[in-house]
Protein backbone atom coordinates (compact mmCIF):
# COMPACT_ATOMS: atom_id res chain seq x y z
CA MET A 1 -94.61 -69.57 112.21
CA SER A 2 -95.13 -65.36 111.06
CA ARG A 3 -97.78 -65.38 109.04
CA LEU A 4 -97.00 -63.75 105.44
CA THR A 5 -99.77 -60.73 105.52
CA ALA A 6 -99.47 -58.15 102.62
CA PRO A 7 -100.44 -54.56 104.35
CA ALA A 8 -103.50 -53.10 103.20
CA SER A 9 -103.17 -50.90 99.96
CA ARG A 10 -104.89 -49.41 97.63
CA TRP A 11 -104.60 -50.90 94.26
CA THR A 12 -105.10 -48.95 90.99
CA GLY A 13 -106.09 -52.05 88.54
CA PRO A 14 -104.57 -54.04 86.38
CA ALA A 15 -101.34 -53.08 85.22
CA GLY A 16 -102.02 -54.17 81.43
CA PRO A 17 -104.55 -55.39 79.71
CA LEU A 18 -105.74 -58.19 81.08
CA ASP A 19 -104.76 -61.62 79.72
CA GLN A 20 -106.03 -64.67 80.66
CA ASP A 21 -104.71 -66.78 77.48
CA ARG A 22 -101.70 -65.61 78.11
CA ARG A 23 -101.76 -66.46 82.32
CA TRP A 24 -103.08 -69.47 81.67
CA ALA A 25 -100.37 -70.41 78.92
CA ASP A 26 -97.25 -70.14 81.49
CA ALA A 27 -99.19 -71.59 84.08
CA ARG A 28 -99.27 -74.15 82.14
CA ARG A 29 -95.79 -74.19 80.65
CA LEU A 30 -94.15 -74.04 84.20
CA LEU A 31 -96.41 -77.17 85.15
CA HIS A 32 -94.82 -78.94 82.41
CA ASP A 33 -91.34 -78.24 81.52
CA ASP A 34 -88.96 -79.34 83.40
CA ALA A 35 -86.04 -77.86 81.17
CA TYR A 36 -86.70 -74.70 83.65
CA PRO A 37 -85.60 -74.26 87.23
CA ALA A 38 -87.95 -75.61 89.76
CA ALA A 39 -87.25 -72.64 92.27
CA ASP A 40 -88.43 -70.52 89.01
CA ARG A 41 -91.49 -72.60 88.08
CA ILE A 42 -93.06 -72.80 91.71
CA ALA A 43 -92.71 -68.62 91.95
CA GLY A 44 -93.83 -67.91 88.06
CA LEU A 45 -96.71 -70.20 89.54
CA LEU A 46 -97.59 -67.99 93.35
CA ILE A 47 -98.16 -65.36 90.95
CA LEU A 48 -100.12 -66.50 88.26
CA LEU A 49 -102.12 -68.70 90.66
CA TYR A 50 -101.98 -66.54 93.85
CA ALA A 51 -100.93 -63.36 93.15
CA GLN A 52 -98.26 -63.51 95.43
CA LYS A 53 -96.14 -60.26 95.43
CA LEU A 54 -92.69 -60.72 95.25
CA ASN A 55 -91.46 -59.82 98.35
CA VAL A 56 -94.06 -62.28 99.82
CA ILE A 57 -92.46 -65.46 97.91
CA THR A 58 -88.84 -64.51 98.80
CA ALA A 59 -90.10 -64.29 102.66
CA LEU A 60 -91.62 -68.44 101.91
CA THR A 61 -89.35 -71.18 104.24
CA THR A 62 -89.53 -74.74 104.51
CA GLN A 63 -92.38 -73.79 107.67
CA HIS A 64 -94.90 -73.21 105.08
CA VAL A 65 -94.57 -76.34 103.24
CA LEU A 66 -97.19 -78.33 104.71
CA HIS A 67 -97.91 -81.79 104.15
CA GLN A 68 -101.48 -83.43 105.73
CA ASP A 69 -103.28 -86.94 104.67
CA GLY A 70 -100.76 -87.36 101.99
CA ARG A 71 -101.28 -84.23 100.56
CA THR A 72 -98.72 -80.33 100.31
CA LEU A 73 -100.75 -77.45 101.34
CA LEU A 74 -98.95 -74.06 101.47
CA ARG A 75 -99.58 -71.22 103.66
CA LEU A 76 -99.88 -67.90 102.49
CA GLY A 77 -102.51 -66.24 104.68
CA SER A 78 -103.79 -68.17 107.95
CA ARG A 79 -105.77 -70.61 105.77
CA PRO A 80 -103.07 -73.01 103.53
CA VAL A 81 -104.30 -74.44 100.52
CA VAL A 82 -103.81 -77.70 99.11
CA LEU A 83 -101.69 -78.12 96.10
CA PRO A 84 -102.70 -79.00 93.05
CA ALA A 85 -101.14 -81.16 91.35
CA PRO A 86 -98.62 -81.37 89.62
CA LEU A 87 -97.58 -78.38 92.16
CA ASP A 88 -96.96 -80.07 94.75
CA THR A 89 -94.51 -82.11 94.10
CA LEU A 90 -92.32 -79.31 92.73
CA ALA A 91 -93.43 -77.81 96.02
CA GLY A 92 -92.66 -80.53 98.65
CA THR A 93 -89.31 -81.46 96.30
CA LEU A 94 -87.91 -78.04 96.79
CA ALA A 95 -88.68 -77.60 100.60
CA ALA A 96 -87.18 -80.80 101.28
CA GLY A 97 -83.88 -80.24 99.39
CA ARG A 98 -83.53 -77.12 102.22
CA LYS A 99 -81.94 -76.73 105.16
CA ALA A 100 -83.91 -76.44 108.08
CA PRO A 101 -83.03 -75.01 111.30
CA GLY A 102 -80.53 -76.63 113.08
CA SER A 103 -79.37 -79.57 111.59
CA SER A 104 -76.04 -78.90 110.71
CA LEU A 105 -73.03 -77.93 113.11
CA LEU A 106 -70.83 -77.58 109.99
CA SER A 107 -72.84 -75.14 107.72
CA ILE A 108 -75.11 -71.63 107.89
CA PRO A 109 -78.61 -73.16 108.49
CA SER A 110 -81.27 -71.61 105.68
CA SER A 111 -84.80 -72.82 105.63
CA TRP A 112 -85.21 -69.95 103.01
CA LEU A 113 -87.34 -71.44 99.61
CA PHE A 114 -85.48 -68.68 97.92
CA PRO A 115 -82.04 -69.17 99.47
CA GLY A 116 -80.33 -66.13 98.25
CA ARG A 117 -76.37 -65.96 97.68
CA ARG A 118 -75.61 -64.51 100.81
CA PRO A 119 -75.63 -67.35 103.66
CA GLY A 120 -78.29 -67.34 105.57
CA SER A 121 -80.76 -64.44 103.43
CA PRO A 122 -83.19 -65.13 101.12
CA LEU A 123 -83.57 -63.89 96.96
CA THR A 124 -83.38 -60.63 97.26
CA GLU A 125 -86.58 -59.41 94.74
CA ASP A 126 -84.94 -57.96 92.17
CA ALA A 127 -82.66 -60.77 91.17
CA LEU A 128 -86.32 -62.76 91.26
CA ALA A 129 -88.31 -60.39 88.88
CA GLN A 130 -84.78 -61.34 86.67
CA ARG A 131 -85.24 -64.93 86.80
CA LEU A 132 -89.01 -64.98 86.14
CA ARG A 133 -88.66 -62.59 83.42
CA ALA A 134 -86.22 -64.52 82.02
CA LEU A 135 -88.95 -67.39 81.87
CA GLY A 136 -91.24 -64.08 80.17
CA ILE A 137 -92.87 -64.44 83.38
CA SER A 138 -93.83 -60.09 83.90
CA PRO A 139 -94.63 -60.27 87.59
CA ARG A 140 -96.47 -57.07 88.13
CA GLN A 141 -98.24 -57.62 84.88
CA SER A 142 -98.67 -61.72 85.96
CA ARG A 143 -100.14 -60.41 89.30
CA SER A 144 -102.56 -57.84 88.41
CA THR A 145 -104.03 -59.84 86.14
CA ALA A 146 -104.31 -63.13 88.55
CA LEU A 147 -105.83 -61.17 90.92
CA PHE A 148 -108.56 -59.17 89.22
CA THR A 149 -110.04 -62.29 88.74
CA LEU A 150 -109.59 -64.48 91.54
CA ALA A 151 -111.17 -60.99 93.12
CA ALA A 152 -113.59 -61.28 90.89
CA ASP A 153 -115.42 -64.77 90.89
CA VAL A 154 -113.96 -65.73 95.46
CA PRO A 155 -114.80 -64.18 98.39
CA ALA A 156 -112.86 -61.25 99.41
CA ALA A 157 -113.07 -63.37 103.11
CA ILE A 158 -111.74 -66.49 101.23
CA LEU A 159 -109.20 -64.14 98.94
CA ALA A 160 -108.23 -62.54 102.47
CA LYS A 161 -107.57 -65.78 104.37
CA THR A 162 -106.14 -67.55 101.55
CA LEU A 163 -103.78 -65.28 100.11
CA GLY A 164 -102.20 -63.29 103.46
CA ILE A 165 -103.78 -59.40 101.84
CA HIS A 166 -105.51 -57.52 104.92
CA VAL A 167 -109.31 -58.35 104.21
CA LYS A 168 -110.04 -54.92 103.60
CA ALA A 169 -107.74 -54.77 100.12
CA ALA A 170 -109.74 -58.32 98.98
CA ILE A 171 -113.18 -55.44 99.47
CA GLN A 172 -112.23 -53.12 97.57
CA TRP A 173 -110.32 -54.97 94.79
CA GLN A 174 -113.40 -57.13 94.12
CA LYS A 175 -115.42 -53.88 94.03
CA ILE A 176 -113.04 -52.85 91.54
CA SER A 177 -112.89 -56.04 89.19
CA GLY A 178 -116.92 -55.76 89.30
CA GLY A 179 -117.44 -52.67 88.07
CA ASP A 180 -114.85 -49.75 88.30
CA TRP A 181 -113.05 -51.98 85.71
CA SER A 182 -116.13 -51.68 83.15
CA ALA A 183 -114.40 -51.98 80.22
CA TYR A 184 -112.23 -54.75 80.56
CA ALA A 185 -115.50 -56.61 82.24
CA ALA A 186 -116.89 -55.47 79.20
CA ASP A 187 -114.16 -57.49 77.66
CA ILE A 188 -114.09 -59.94 78.68
CA SER A 189 -117.74 -60.43 78.90
CA ARG A 190 -117.34 -60.85 74.61
CA ARG A 191 -114.71 -63.38 74.81
CA GLY A 192 -116.89 -65.00 77.59
CA GLN A 193 -116.84 -68.31 75.24
CA ALA A 194 -113.51 -68.31 73.72
CA GLN A 195 -112.32 -68.45 77.15
CA GLU A 196 -114.44 -71.25 78.26
CA GLN A 197 -113.15 -73.44 75.47
CA THR A 198 -109.29 -72.58 76.86
CA ARG A 199 -110.02 -72.70 80.36
CA GLN A 200 -111.76 -76.80 78.84
CA GLU A 201 -108.45 -77.59 76.54
CA ILE A 202 -106.25 -75.93 79.22
CA SER A 203 -107.48 -78.90 81.86
CA ALA A 204 -107.42 -81.26 79.03
CA ARG A 205 -104.42 -80.87 78.07
CA THR A 206 -102.16 -80.27 81.62
CA ARG A 207 -104.85 -82.75 83.95
CA CYS A 208 -105.07 -79.84 86.05
CA PRO A 209 -109.12 -78.82 86.45
CA VAL A 210 -109.34 -74.53 86.04
CA PRO A 211 -112.57 -74.10 86.73
CA ARG A 212 -115.06 -70.74 86.81
CA GLY A 213 -114.46 -69.46 89.85
CA HIS A 214 -111.16 -71.06 91.75
CA VAL A 215 -112.18 -71.86 95.11
CA PRO A 216 -112.99 -75.57 94.81
CA ASP A 217 -109.13 -76.08 93.58
CA VAL A 218 -106.70 -73.57 93.27
CA LEU A 219 -107.81 -72.38 96.41
CA ARG A 220 -109.03 -75.54 98.36
CA PRO A 221 -108.59 -75.61 102.03
CA PRO A 222 -107.46 -78.65 103.34
CA ASP A 223 -110.88 -79.45 105.09
CA SER A 224 -113.04 -79.38 101.63
CA GLY A 225 -111.72 -82.99 101.37
């Protein structure tokens, strides 16, 4: 199996003002609104919850979706993460509906989770970005907000292993989230109480835990129970 590992690169900080309330509202909408295409919902959630790049998402195949002890896992880095409900069902259903390589002699096999219009080719980054914007998701801004928050809460080593990014890049992002963007940190501190209330409300309404620090749930490894 191939590893999806983003190269180390300098991150200059959030693409715009951090908006955690908007991030969780978008995640809740994609988790529970069946009116949206399942593939688009999954792609959006991979950005909002796991700070994934468009090129990494379009490169995902059925081999990256794993099943273990009744749970659905997704391999973005060297250590797969257990997907929370209902994202686990969405991803499992999507993978099951794709054609595995060699499963048919009458058609071109394709195991891409996000296939493109050309047979055997994945969806292009531009096409995926367009589909997400149609849902009100800004890929770059949403990823920046997710990455900034994850880097502040999750150790760099875990961030690298679970998100599939270079550990040096994870360390750099962690440093940025911890001090280089003091204005953002100050704003987050002032809004801390309001964000805690929002986190609790989202957890209650979506039935999907939104803990302080996402290691136990969003980035939970399969061996953590």
